C-alpha atoms as a PDB file:
ATOM      1  CA  MET A   1       5.745  -6.032 -31.984  1.00  0.00           C
ATOM      2  CA  ASN A   2       8.742  -8.126 -32.874  1.00  0.00           C
ATOM      3  CA  LEU A   3       9.847 -10.056 -29.775  1.00  0.00           C
ATOM      4  CA  ASP A   4      13.346 -10.457 -31.237  1.00  0.00           C
ATOM      5  CA  GLN A   5      13.969  -6.760 -30.552  1.00  0.00           C
ATOM      6  CA  GLY A   6      14.054  -7.255 -26.755  1.00  0.00           C
ATOM      7  CA  GLY A   7      16.973  -4.884 -26.196  1.00  0.00           C
ATOM      8  CA  ASP A   8      14.949  -2.164 -27.831  1.00  0.00           C
ATOM      9  CA  SER A   9      12.114  -2.533 -25.325  1.00  0.00           C
ATOM     10  CA  GLU A  10      14.181  -1.081 -22.465  1.00  0.00           C
ATOM     11  CA  ALA A  11      14.896   2.051 -24.480  1.00  0.00           C
ATOM     12  CA  ARG A  12      11.247   2.367 -25.499  1.00  0.00           C
ATOM     13  CA  PHE A  13      10.129   1.922 -21.882  1.00  0.00           C
ATOM     14  CA  ALA A  14      12.600   4.594 -20.710  1.00  0.00           C
ATOM     15  CA  GLU A  15      11.348   6.945 -23.419  1.00  0.00           C
ATOM     16  CA  TYR A  16       7.727   6.270 -22.455  1.00  0.00           C
ATOM     17  CA  VAL A  17       8.379   6.949 -18.760  1.00  0.00           C
ATOM     18  CA  ALA A  18      10.340  10.102 -19.638  1.00  0.00           C
ATOM     19  CA  GLY A  19       7.327  11.337 -21.586  1.00  0.00           C
ATOM     20  CA  LEU A  20       5.019  10.669 -18.655  1.00  0.00           C
ATOM     21  CA  GLY A  21       7.541  12.241 -16.282  1.00  0.00           C
ATOM     22  CA  SER A  22       7.576  15.445 -18.280  1.00  0.00           C
ATOM     23  CA  VAL A  23       3.830  15.760 -17.707  1.00  0.00           C
ATOM     24  CA  ILE A  24       4.166  15.217 -13.954  1.00  0.00           C
ATOM     25  CA  GLY A  25       6.636  18.078 -13.761  1.00  0.00           C
ATOM     26  CA  HIS A  26       8.581  16.924 -10.703  1.00  0.00           C
ATOM     27  CA  VAL A  27      11.929  15.268 -11.398  1.00  0.00           C
ATOM     28  CA  GLU A  28      11.904  13.498  -8.001  1.00  0.00           C
ATOM     29  CA  ARG A  29       8.694  11.687  -8.996  1.00  0.00           C
ATOM     30  CA  THR A  30      10.179  10.122 -12.115  1.00  0.00           C
ATOM     31  CA  ARG A  31      11.760   7.121 -10.374  1.00  0.00           C
ATOM     32  CA  PRO A  32       8.593   6.173  -8.437  1.00  0.00           C
ATOM     33  CA  LEU A  33       6.653   6.571 -11.691  1.00  0.00           C
ATOM     34  CA  ARG A  34       9.098   4.243 -13.460  1.00  0.00           C
ATOM     35  CA  ASP A  35       8.821   1.721 -10.611  1.00  0.00           C
ATOM     36  CA  TYR A  36       5.020   1.928 -10.691  1.00  0.00           C
ATOM     37  CA  CYS A  37       4.892   1.322 -14.443  1.00  0.00           C
ATOM     38  CA  MET A  38       7.375  -1.530 -14.076  1.00  0.00           C
ATOM     39  CA  GLY A  39       5.260  -3.043 -11.291  1.00  0.00           C
ATOM     40  CA  LEU A  40       2.211  -2.992 -13.539  1.00  0.00           C
ATOM     41  CA  MET A  41       4.067  -4.932 -16.220  1.00  0.00           C
ATOM     42  CA  LEU A  42       5.797  -7.486 -13.984  1.00  0.00           C
ATOM     43  CA  PRO A  43       4.104 -10.828 -13.387  1.00  0.00           C
ATOM     44  CA  GLY A  44       1.844 -11.031 -10.369  1.00  0.00           C
ATOM     45  CA  GLU A  45      -1.834 -11.416  -9.667  1.00  0.00           C
ATOM     46  CA  ARG A  46      -2.238  -8.285  -7.566  1.00  0.00           C
ATOM     47  CA  LYS A  47      -1.423  -4.926  -9.110  1.00  0.00           C
ATOM     48  CA  SER A  48      -1.862  -2.925  -5.904  1.00  0.00           C
ATOM     49  CA  VAL A  49       1.003  -0.863  -4.503  1.00  0.00           C
ATOM     50  CA  GLU A  50       2.041  -3.254  -1.731  1.00  0.00           C
ATOM     51  CA  PRO A  51       2.875  -6.286  -3.907  1.00  0.00           C
ATOM     52  CA  MET A  52       4.350  -4.025  -6.580  1.00  0.00           C
ATOM     53  CA  ALA A  53       6.690  -2.533  -3.962  1.00  0.00           C
ATOM     54  CA  ALA A  54       7.839  -6.025  -2.992  1.00  0.00           C
ATOM     55  CA  ARG A  55       8.552  -6.893  -6.627  1.00  0.00           C
ATOM     56  CA  THR A  56      10.296  -3.645  -7.611  1.00  0.00           C
ATOM     57  CA  ALA A  57      12.439  -3.193  -4.469  1.00  0.00           C
ATOM     58  CA  PRO A  58      12.546  -6.396  -2.408  1.00  0.00           C
ATOM     59  CA  ALA A  59      15.355  -5.136  -0.145  1.00  0.00           C
ATOM     60  CA  ARG A  60      13.409  -1.999   0.841  1.00  0.00           C
ATOM     61  CA  THR A  61       9.756  -2.901   0.474  1.00  0.00           C
ATOM     62  CA  ALA A  62       8.399  -0.568   3.193  1.00  0.00           C
ATOM     63  CA  ALA A  63      10.206   2.486   1.810  1.00  0.00           C
ATOM     64  CA  GLN A  64       9.236   1.559  -1.750  1.00  0.00           C
ATOM     65  CA  HIS A  65       5.614   1.175  -0.678  1.00  0.00           C
ATOM     66  CA  GLN A  66       5.612   4.734   0.696  1.00  0.00           C
ATOM     67  CA  SER A  67       7.367   6.022  -2.405  1.00  0.00           C
ATOM     68  CA  LEU A  68       4.799   4.453  -4.718  1.00  0.00           C
ATOM     69  CA  LEU A  69       1.923   5.799  -2.637  1.00  0.00           C
ATOM     70  CA  HIS A  70       3.178   9.374  -2.836  1.00  0.00           C
ATOM     71  CA  PHE A  71       4.585   9.782  -6.317  1.00  0.00           C
END
């Protein structure tokens, strides 16, 4: 992977999540899926739902936690 193509990575990530979302079959689960995948890639020692919720939606951690648990 060429790290100089950083702008391209957002498009590739969106395409990847869209592909996964099509398998899930529920449009309303796509955003929590995207947030979950993003949480896995963000820095942090713990990859459980609680810390990922705090990293992906710091202003609404409790709601994000529930969303990630139920996607």
